[in-house]
Each structure stands twice: as structure tokens, then as C-alpha cells.
N, C-alpha and C. Protein backbone atom coordinates (compact mmCIF):
# COMPACT_ATOMS: atom_id res chain seq x y z
N MET A 1 -11.46 -11.47 -27.07
CA MET A 1 -10.74 -10.51 -26.30
C MET A 1 -9.21 -10.36 -26.72
N SER A 2 -8.64 -9.33 -26.84
CA SER A 2 -7.29 -9.10 -27.04
C SER A 2 -6.45 -9.39 -26.05
N ASP A 3 -5.07 -9.58 -26.34
CA ASP A 3 -4.08 -9.85 -25.34
C ASP A 3 -3.94 -8.68 -24.47
N PRO A 4 -3.47 -8.72 -23.17
CA PRO A 4 -3.14 -7.55 -22.39
C PRO A 4 -2.21 -6.62 -22.86
N LEU A 5 -2.31 -5.44 -22.64
CA LEU A 5 -1.06 -4.47 -22.91
C LEU A 5 0.05 -4.67 -21.98
N TYR A 6 -0.27 -4.85 -20.72
CA TYR A 6 0.78 -4.81 -19.76
C TYR A 6 0.38 -5.72 -18.56
N ILE A 7 1.30 -6.50 -18.08
CA ILE A 7 1.01 -7.38 -16.92
C ILE A 7 2.15 -7.05 -15.91
N THR A 8 1.70 -6.61 -14.67
CA THR A 8 2.56 -6.26 -13.65
C THR A 8 2.85 -7.45 -12.81
N ARG A 9 3.97 -7.73 -12.40
CA ARG A 9 4.35 -8.68 -11.41
C ARG A 9 4.78 -8.08 -10.05
N SER A 10 3.94 -8.22 -9.09
CA SER A 10 4.07 -7.61 -7.90
C SER A 10 3.58 -8.38 -6.68
N ARG A 11 4.00 -8.27 -5.62
CA ARG A 11 3.48 -9.09 -4.43
C ARG A 11 3.42 -8.10 -3.14
N VAL A 12 2.63 -8.57 -2.28
CA VAL A 12 2.31 -7.84 -0.97
C VAL A 12 2.55 -8.82 0.08
N GLU A 13 3.43 -8.42 1.16
CA GLU A 13 3.63 -9.33 2.22
C GLU A 13 3.09 -8.62 3.51
N LYS A 14 2.53 -9.40 4.54
CA LYS A 14 2.15 -8.88 5.78
C LYS A 14 3.43 -8.79 6.59
N VAL A 15 3.74 -7.58 7.23
CA VAL A 15 4.89 -7.37 7.99
C VAL A 15 4.47 -7.57 9.54
N ASP A 16 3.35 -6.96 9.89
CA ASP A 16 2.93 -7.03 11.37
C ASP A 16 1.54 -6.28 11.36
N GLY A 17 0.66 -6.83 11.97
CA GLY A 17 -0.70 -6.07 12.15
C GLY A 17 -1.28 -5.68 10.93
N LEU A 18 -1.41 -4.41 10.83
CA LEU A 18 -1.96 -3.89 9.42
C LEU A 18 -0.83 -3.23 8.48
N HIS A 19 0.42 -3.52 8.92
CA HIS A 19 1.56 -3.08 8.16
C HIS A 19 1.78 -4.00 7.18
N ARG A 20 1.88 -3.54 5.86
CA ARG A 20 1.92 -4.32 4.65
C ARG A 20 3.15 -3.79 3.87
N ARG A 21 3.89 -4.69 3.11
CA ARG A 21 5.06 -4.19 2.37
C ARG A 21 4.70 -4.70 0.86
N GLY A 22 4.82 -3.87 -0.05
CA GLY A 22 4.62 -4.13 -1.49
C GLY A 22 5.98 -4.07 -2.13
N HIS A 23 6.07 -5.09 -3.11
CA HIS A 23 7.40 -5.32 -3.89
C HIS A 23 6.90 -5.24 -5.35
N LEU A 24 7.51 -4.42 -6.12
CA LEU A 24 7.31 -4.35 -7.58
C LEU A 24 8.45 -4.89 -8.20
N GLU A 25 8.12 -5.43 -9.56
CA GLU A 25 9.09 -6.16 -10.23
C GLU A 25 10.45 -5.55 -10.58
N ASP A 26 10.53 -4.10 -10.49
CA ASP A 26 11.89 -3.38 -10.72
C ASP A 26 12.55 -3.26 -9.48
N GLY A 27 12.09 -3.96 -8.33
CA GLY A 27 12.84 -3.90 -7.09
C GLY A 27 12.40 -2.77 -6.15
N THR A 28 11.39 -2.11 -6.58
CA THR A 28 10.87 -0.93 -5.62
C THR A 28 10.10 -1.50 -4.62
N THR A 29 10.21 -1.17 -3.24
CA THR A 29 9.44 -1.48 -2.24
C THR A 29 8.71 -0.38 -1.54
N MET A 30 7.42 -0.53 -0.90
CA MET A 30 6.65 0.54 -0.34
C MET A 30 6.08 -0.10 0.86
N ASP A 31 6.05 0.65 2.01
CA ASP A 31 5.25 0.14 3.21
C ASP A 31 3.81 0.86 3.19
N PHE A 32 2.86 0.13 3.58
CA PHE A 32 1.45 0.85 3.85
C PHE A 32 0.76 0.27 4.97
N GLY A 33 -0.10 1.07 5.42
CA GLY A 33 -0.87 0.59 6.52
C GLY A 33 -2.02 1.67 6.78
N VAL A 34 -2.03 2.14 8.04
CA VAL A 34 -3.09 3.19 8.37
C VAL A 34 -2.42 4.41 9.08
N HIS A 35 -3.24 5.56 9.05
CA HIS A 35 -2.63 6.74 9.61
C HIS A 35 -3.79 7.67 10.10
N GLY A 36 -3.40 8.69 10.85
CA GLY A 36 -4.42 9.78 11.29
C GLY A 36 -5.77 9.44 11.80
N PRO A 37 -6.72 10.15 11.19
CA PRO A 37 -8.16 9.81 11.68
C PRO A 37 -8.70 8.42 11.68
N ILE A 38 -8.12 7.74 10.63
CA ILE A 38 -8.41 6.24 10.59
C ILE A 38 -7.91 5.42 11.81
N LYS A 39 -6.69 5.63 12.06
CA LYS A 39 -6.20 5.14 13.43
C LYS A 39 -7.05 5.40 14.60
N ALA A 40 -7.35 6.63 14.68
CA ALA A 40 -8.14 7.08 15.89
C ALA A 40 -9.47 6.40 15.95
N HIS A 41 -10.13 6.49 14.77
CA HIS A 41 -11.60 5.99 14.62
C HIS A 41 -11.65 4.47 15.27
N TYR A 42 -10.64 3.72 14.73
CA TYR A 42 -10.69 2.37 14.92
C TYR A 42 -9.73 1.98 16.12
N GLY A 43 -9.35 2.97 16.84
CA GLY A 43 -8.45 2.69 18.03
C GLY A 43 -7.23 1.86 17.83
N LEU A 44 -6.52 2.21 16.79
CA LEU A 44 -5.30 1.55 16.29
C LEU A 44 -4.00 2.37 16.70
N ASP A 45 -4.00 2.94 17.82
CA ASP A 45 -2.92 3.63 18.25
C ASP A 45 -1.55 3.11 18.29
N ALA A 46 -1.64 1.80 18.51
CA ALA A 46 -0.42 0.99 18.64
C ALA A 46 0.31 0.81 17.25
N GLN A 47 -0.45 1.01 16.17
CA GLN A 47 0.01 0.81 14.76
C GLN A 47 0.98 1.99 14.36
N PRO A 48 2.07 1.85 13.59
CA PRO A 48 2.79 2.96 13.10
C PRO A 48 2.09 3.73 12.08
N ASP A 49 2.24 5.08 11.98
CA ASP A 49 1.74 5.85 10.95
C ASP A 49 2.31 5.61 9.47
N LEU A 50 1.64 4.90 8.78
CA LEU A 50 1.97 4.50 7.36
C LEU A 50 0.84 5.01 6.45
N PRO A 51 1.21 5.38 5.21
CA PRO A 51 0.34 5.80 4.19
C PRO A 51 -0.66 4.49 3.83
N LEU A 52 -1.81 4.86 3.60
CA LEU A 52 -2.88 3.93 3.07
C LEU A 52 -2.60 3.52 1.62
N PRO A 53 -2.91 2.18 1.27
CA PRO A 53 -2.82 1.86 -0.18
C PRO A 53 -3.43 2.93 -1.10
N VAL A 54 -4.53 3.59 -0.71
CA VAL A 54 -5.20 4.53 -1.60
C VAL A 54 -4.28 5.73 -1.62
N ASP A 55 -3.48 6.09 -0.67
CA ASP A 55 -2.58 7.11 -0.86
C ASP A 55 -1.69 7.13 -2.00
N TYR A 56 -1.19 5.87 -2.31
CA TYR A 56 -0.46 5.48 -3.40
C TYR A 56 -1.21 5.77 -4.69
N LEU A 57 -2.33 5.35 -4.75
CA LEU A 57 -3.22 5.36 -5.98
C LEU A 57 -3.32 6.78 -6.29
N VAL A 58 -3.80 7.70 -5.38
CA VAL A 58 -3.91 8.98 -5.60
C VAL A 58 -2.63 9.67 -6.09
N ALA A 59 -1.40 9.47 -5.40
CA ALA A 59 -0.26 10.03 -5.89
C ALA A 59 0.09 9.66 -7.20
N ALA A 60 -0.18 8.19 -7.66
CA ALA A 60 0.24 7.87 -8.97
C ALA A 60 -0.76 8.51 -9.99
N ALA A 61 -2.02 8.69 -9.81
CA ALA A 61 -3.02 9.36 -10.63
C ALA A 61 -2.52 10.85 -10.84
N SER A 62 -2.05 11.42 -9.94
CA SER A 62 -1.68 12.89 -9.97
C SER A 62 -0.47 13.14 -10.55
N ALA A 63 0.44 12.11 -10.87
CA ALA A 63 1.70 12.32 -11.42
C ALA A 63 1.68 12.57 -12.93
């Protein structure tokens, strides 16, 4: 196998409940969790409205 083209160094920390904060190596941070119908379906009304991790993936793919 060849060497990887790129290695990202990032970390994710648990803030509270389902609230997570991601940190990228360039200093960028993003918060994610649950929102909308997903919160309603699982009865998570006490959680803040935050984008899902997949929301960031879709946004990155469309850019």
C-alpha cells in the first residue's frame, strides 16, 4: 500500500448530552447534535437545536 495523501488531526469532545464540539487542526470548531424531527421522534426536546454531523458532510460535499 502507498502512503496516505493526507492525514487530518481533529478531535471531538462531549459538551453535554448529545451536544458535541469538533476541533480541526486549523483552529476551526463546530458544534453538532440533533434537531427537528429527530429530536421529536426520540423525545429529546430538552436538547438544543444543533446540526447533525451528517449535515456538515452534506455541506462539504456540495461545496
